[in-house]
Amino acid sequence: MDDLIREMIAPERRSDLDRGRRSRLVATALTVALAAVGVTSLVTGALFSDTEPVSASDFLTGTVDIVADHSTDQKLESLNMAPGDVAYGVVPVSNGGSLELRYAVEVTGTNPELQDADLAGKLQLDVYADVTSCDATGAVLAKRIGGLLGGALTAATTIVGNPAIGWQTGDRVLAARASENLCVSVGLPLDTDNTFQNTDAQLALRFLAEQTVNN
């Protein structure tokens, strides 16, 4: 009985051997726990993956290419004009590009350097579209799209549409690879006096084209 009371008052002290065994068990448990954490990290970082490239895309720019020239069948000229005469000529216009275009037309008149008479400023010019025949009869039935009644100036003068960027009243539109024939008439007024006998002048047409898409 006395021994039991002594054990309750003063419990038996654990030996150093027990304390060492408990420390090793705790260290082993920590090592196992850390190892488990490391394995988990390695597993979650190893993911399946894949890549798939898309082939390169091509980007090509379109073209605006207006072509205009004298007709080989009916050239615009007159080599022996008299007052009241009107000369007619066909000017084919085509779009050789891949984009739809709109165009305007300018004219510039020139006289020989030593000539006093301004024949270029005397000539009257008209431009027609949708003609069945480029002559006096066809012009009456056709649509007049521009002209210059006061004579051609030595500076470029717009006679069809407007060369300003963007849609302007009178601009002509041609689809890609399309074409049309313009009929151009040049007349010498009937009231032309003797000052203009044996004189010369040249009229030069200039076509200005731009894309219609996004414009």
Protein backbone atom coordinates (compact mmCIF):
# COMPACT_ATOMS: atom_id res chain seq x y z
CA MET A 1 0.00 0.00 0.00
CA ASP A 2 2.80 2.36 0.88
CA ASP A 3 4.54 1.53 -2.38
CA LEU A 4 1.38 2.35 -4.39
CA ILE A 5 1.04 5.73 -2.71
CA ARG A 6 4.69 6.52 -3.44
CA GLU A 7 4.20 5.72 -7.14
CA MET A 8 1.17 8.03 -7.35
CA ILE A 9 2.99 10.87 -5.57
CA ALA A 10 6.23 10.44 -7.51
CA PRO A 11 5.63 8.65 -10.84
CA GLU A 12 8.39 6.53 -12.16
CA ARG A 13 10.77 8.58 -14.28
CA ARG A 14 11.16 7.49 -17.87
CA SER A 15 14.56 6.35 -18.77
CA ASP A 16 16.80 8.11 -21.30
CA LEU A 17 16.31 5.12 -23.58
CA ASP A 18 12.53 5.76 -23.80
CA ARG A 19 13.02 9.43 -24.54
CA GLY A 20 15.45 8.64 -27.40
CA ARG A 21 13.05 6.09 -28.91
CA ARG A 22 10.20 8.65 -28.86
CA SER A 23 12.39 11.32 -30.55
CA ARG A 24 13.32 8.91 -33.34
CA LEU A 25 9.67 8.06 -33.94
CA VAL A 26 8.75 11.76 -34.24
CA ALA A 27 11.63 12.42 -36.66
CA THR A 28 10.66 9.42 -38.78
CA ALA A 29 7.05 10.64 -38.97
CA LEU A 30 8.22 14.10 -40.11
CA THR A 31 10.50 12.59 -42.74
CA VAL A 32 7.70 10.46 -44.15
CA ALA A 33 5.35 13.48 -44.22
CA LEU A 34 7.92 15.63 -46.07
CA ALA A 35 8.58 12.85 -48.55
CA ALA A 36 4.86 12.57 -49.22
CA VAL A 37 4.67 16.31 -49.93
CA GLY A 38 7.60 16.05 -52.37
CA VAL A 39 6.03 13.17 -54.28
CA THR A 40 2.75 15.10 -54.57
CA SER A 41 4.56 18.12 -56.07
CA LEU A 42 6.35 15.98 -58.64
CA VAL A 43 3.15 14.25 -59.70
CA THR A 44 1.08 17.45 -60.15
CA GLY A 45 3.88 19.12 -62.22
CA ALA A 46 4.06 16.31 -64.84
CA LEU A 47 1.10 17.18 -67.17
CA PHE A 48 0.46 15.89 -70.68
CA SER A 49 0.63 18.67 -73.32
CA ASP A 50 0.48 19.16 -77.09
CA THR A 51 0.96 21.94 -79.69
CA GLU A 52 -0.41 22.26 -83.20
CA PRO A 53 0.84 24.97 -85.63
CA VAL A 54 -1.46 26.56 -88.24
CA SER A 55 0.00 27.06 -91.69
CA ALA A 56 1.04 30.62 -92.60
CA SER A 57 -1.57 32.88 -94.24
CA ASP A 58 -0.89 34.70 -97.50
CA PHE A 59 -1.69 38.40 -97.95
CA LEU A 60 -1.54 39.87 -101.45
CA THR A 61 -2.40 43.44 -102.37
CA GLY A 62 -4.74 44.21 -105.24
CA THR A 63 -4.03 46.51 -108.16
CA VAL A 64 -5.60 49.56 -109.75
CA ASP A 65 -4.57 49.77 -113.39
CA ILE A 66 -6.50 52.02 -115.77
CA VAL A 67 -5.65 51.79 -119.45
CA ALA A 68 -6.82 54.34 -122.02
CA ASP A 69 -5.70 54.99 -125.57
CA HIS A 70 -6.94 56.04 -128.98
CA SER A 71 -9.01 53.56 -130.87
CA THR A 72 -7.20 51.98 -133.78
CA ASP A 73 -10.47 52.08 -135.72
CA GLN A 74 -11.58 55.67 -134.96
CA LYS A 75 -8.80 57.90 -133.72
CA LEU A 76 -9.66 61.31 -132.28
CA GLU A 77 -8.06 63.84 -134.67
CA SER A 78 -8.78 66.18 -137.55
CA LEU A 79 -6.11 67.47 -139.92
CA ASN A 80 -8.18 69.90 -142.01
CA MET A 81 -10.87 71.47 -139.81
CA ALA A 82 -13.12 74.27 -140.92
CA PRO A 83 -15.42 76.40 -138.74
CA GLY A 84 -18.46 74.31 -137.80
CA ASP A 85 -16.67 70.97 -138.13
CA VAL A 86 -16.86 68.35 -135.36
CA ALA A 87 -14.42 65.44 -135.15
CA TYR A 88 -15.36 62.22 -133.32
CA GLY A 89 -13.07 59.59 -131.86
CA VAL A 90 -13.38 56.51 -129.66
CA VAL A 91 -11.27 56.24 -126.52
CA PRO A 92 -11.36 52.71 -125.03
CA VAL A 93 -10.95 52.64 -121.24
CA SER A 94 -10.26 49.43 -119.34
CA ASN A 95 -9.46 48.31 -115.83
CA GLY A 96 -6.50 45.98 -116.01
CA GLY A 97 -6.26 45.63 -112.24
CA SER A 98 -7.82 43.28 -109.72
CA LEU A 99 -9.80 45.96 -107.82
CA GLU A 100 -12.84 47.93 -108.86
CA LEU A 101 -11.93 51.52 -109.65
CA ARG A 102 -13.49 54.92 -110.28
CA TYR A 103 -11.96 57.47 -112.54
CA ALA A 104 -12.06 61.08 -113.64
CA VAL A 105 -10.75 62.68 -116.83
CA GLU A 106 -8.72 65.83 -117.32
CA VAL A 107 -7.78 67.62 -120.54
CA THR A 108 -4.88 69.93 -121.28
CA GLY A 109 -4.58 72.03 -124.41
CA THR A 110 -1.32 73.19 -125.99
CA ASN A 111 -0.46 75.40 -128.94
CA PRO A 112 2.84 75.61 -130.84
CA GLU A 113 5.28 77.92 -129.10
CA LEU A 114 5.51 80.49 -131.92
CA GLN A 115 1.77 80.50 -132.73
CA ASP A 116 -0.17 83.56 -131.63
CA ALA A 117 -3.68 82.15 -132.09
CA ASP A 118 -4.96 80.10 -129.14
CA LEU A 119 -6.63 77.35 -131.11
CA ALA A 120 -6.67 75.02 -128.07
CA GLY A 121 -8.72 77.59 -126.20
CA LYS A 122 -11.18 77.76 -129.09
CA LEU A 123 -11.95 74.08 -129.50
CA GLN A 124 -15.07 72.68 -127.85
CA LEU A 125 -14.98 69.18 -126.37
CA ASP A 126 -17.71 66.74 -125.33
CA VAL A 127 -17.50 63.23 -123.84
CA TYR A 128 -20.23 60.61 -124.24
CA ALA A 129 -20.78 57.14 -122.79
CA ASP A 130 -22.97 54.23 -123.84
CA VAL A 131 -22.90 55.15 -127.51
CA THR A 132 -24.00 52.83 -130.29
CA SER A 133 -21.94 54.77 -132.82
CA CYS A 134 -19.42 57.54 -132.21
CA ASP A 135 -20.73 60.16 -134.62
CA ALA A 136 -23.27 62.97 -134.76
CA THR A 137 -26.20 60.54 -134.74
CA GLY A 138 -24.84 58.46 -131.88
CA ALA A 139 -24.02 61.53 -129.79
CA VAL A 140 -27.62 62.70 -129.92
CA LEU A 141 -28.80 59.39 -128.47
CA ALA A 142 -25.92 58.91 -126.03
CA LYS A 143 -25.36 60.19 -122.52
CA ARG A 144 -23.09 63.23 -122.26
CA ILE A 145 -20.88 62.71 -119.21
CA GLY A 146 -18.65 65.75 -119.49
CA GLY A 147 -17.00 68.32 -121.68
CA LEU A 148 -15.57 71.75 -122.06
CA LEU A 149 -17.54 74.33 -124.01
CA GLY A 150 -15.17 77.22 -123.39
CA GLY A 151 -12.08 75.62 -124.95
CA ALA A 152 -9.19 73.69 -123.44
CA LEU A 153 -6.87 75.59 -121.11
CA THR A 154 -3.10 75.15 -120.99
CA ALA A 155 -3.55 73.95 -117.39
CA ALA A 156 -5.22 70.61 -116.70
CA THR A 157 -9.01 70.99 -116.58
CA THR A 158 -11.40 68.33 -115.31
CA ILE A 159 -14.02 67.31 -117.85
CA VAL A 160 -15.40 64.06 -116.36
CA GLY A 161 -15.97 63.42 -112.66
CA ASN A 162 -13.60 64.82 -110.07
CA PRO A 163 -10.04 63.67 -109.29
CA ALA A 164 -10.49 64.34 -105.56
CA ILE A 165 -10.23 61.23 -103.38
CA GLY A 166 -13.54 59.50 -102.70
CA TRP A 167 -16.81 59.36 -104.59
CA GLN A 168 -17.53 62.55 -106.51
CA THR A 169 -20.42 63.41 -108.82
CA GLY A 170 -19.70 62.26 -112.35
CA ASP A 171 -16.98 59.73 -111.48
CA ARG A 172 -16.97 56.67 -113.73
CA VAL A 173 -16.78 53.18 -112.17
CA LEU A 174 -15.20 50.13 -113.75
CA ALA A 175 -15.17 46.66 -112.23
CA ALA A 176 -11.97 44.65 -112.26
CA ARG A 177 -11.10 43.57 -115.83
CA ALA A 178 -14.04 45.57 -117.21
CA SER A 179 -13.91 48.13 -120.00
CA GLU A 180 -15.98 50.76 -121.78
CA ASN A 181 -15.69 52.97 -124.83
CA LEU A 182 -15.96 56.73 -124.51
CA CYS A 183 -16.92 58.81 -127.50
CA VAL A 184 -15.10 62.16 -127.58
CA SER A 185 -16.05 64.97 -129.91
CA VAL A 186 -13.96 68.08 -130.66
CA GLY A 187 -15.59 70.95 -132.53
CA LEU A 188 -14.46 74.25 -134.03
CA PRO A 189 -17.20 76.86 -133.52
CA LEU A 190 -18.82 78.25 -136.61
CA ASP A 191 -17.90 81.83 -135.63
CA THR A 192 -14.14 81.10 -135.77
CA ASP A 193 -12.48 83.94 -137.75
CA ASN A 194 -9.47 84.18 -140.05
CA THR A 195 -7.10 84.50 -137.10
CA PHE A 196 -7.26 80.72 -136.74
CA GLN A 197 -6.49 79.78 -140.33
CA ASN A 198 -3.56 77.37 -140.68
CA THR A 199 -3.14 76.95 -136.93
CA ASP A 200 -2.47 73.91 -134.80
CA ALA A 201 -3.42 72.64 -131.34
CA GLN A 202 -3.16 69.48 -129.30
CA LEU A 203 -5.55 68.16 -126.68
CA ALA A 204 -4.25 65.59 -124.18
CA LEU A 205 -6.61 63.49 -122.09
CA ARG A 206 -5.48 62.21 -118.70
CA PHE A 207 -7.33 59.51 -116.77
CA LEU A 208 -7.04 59.46 -112.97
CA ALA A 209 -8.18 56.29 -111.18
CA GLU A 210 -8.53 55.17 -107.58
CA GLN A 211 -9.87 52.13 -105.74
CA THR A 212 -13.52 52.13 -104.70
CA VAL A 213 -13.27 49.63 -101.84
CA ASN A 214 -12.95 51.39 -98.46
CA ASN A 215 -13.00 54.68 -100.29
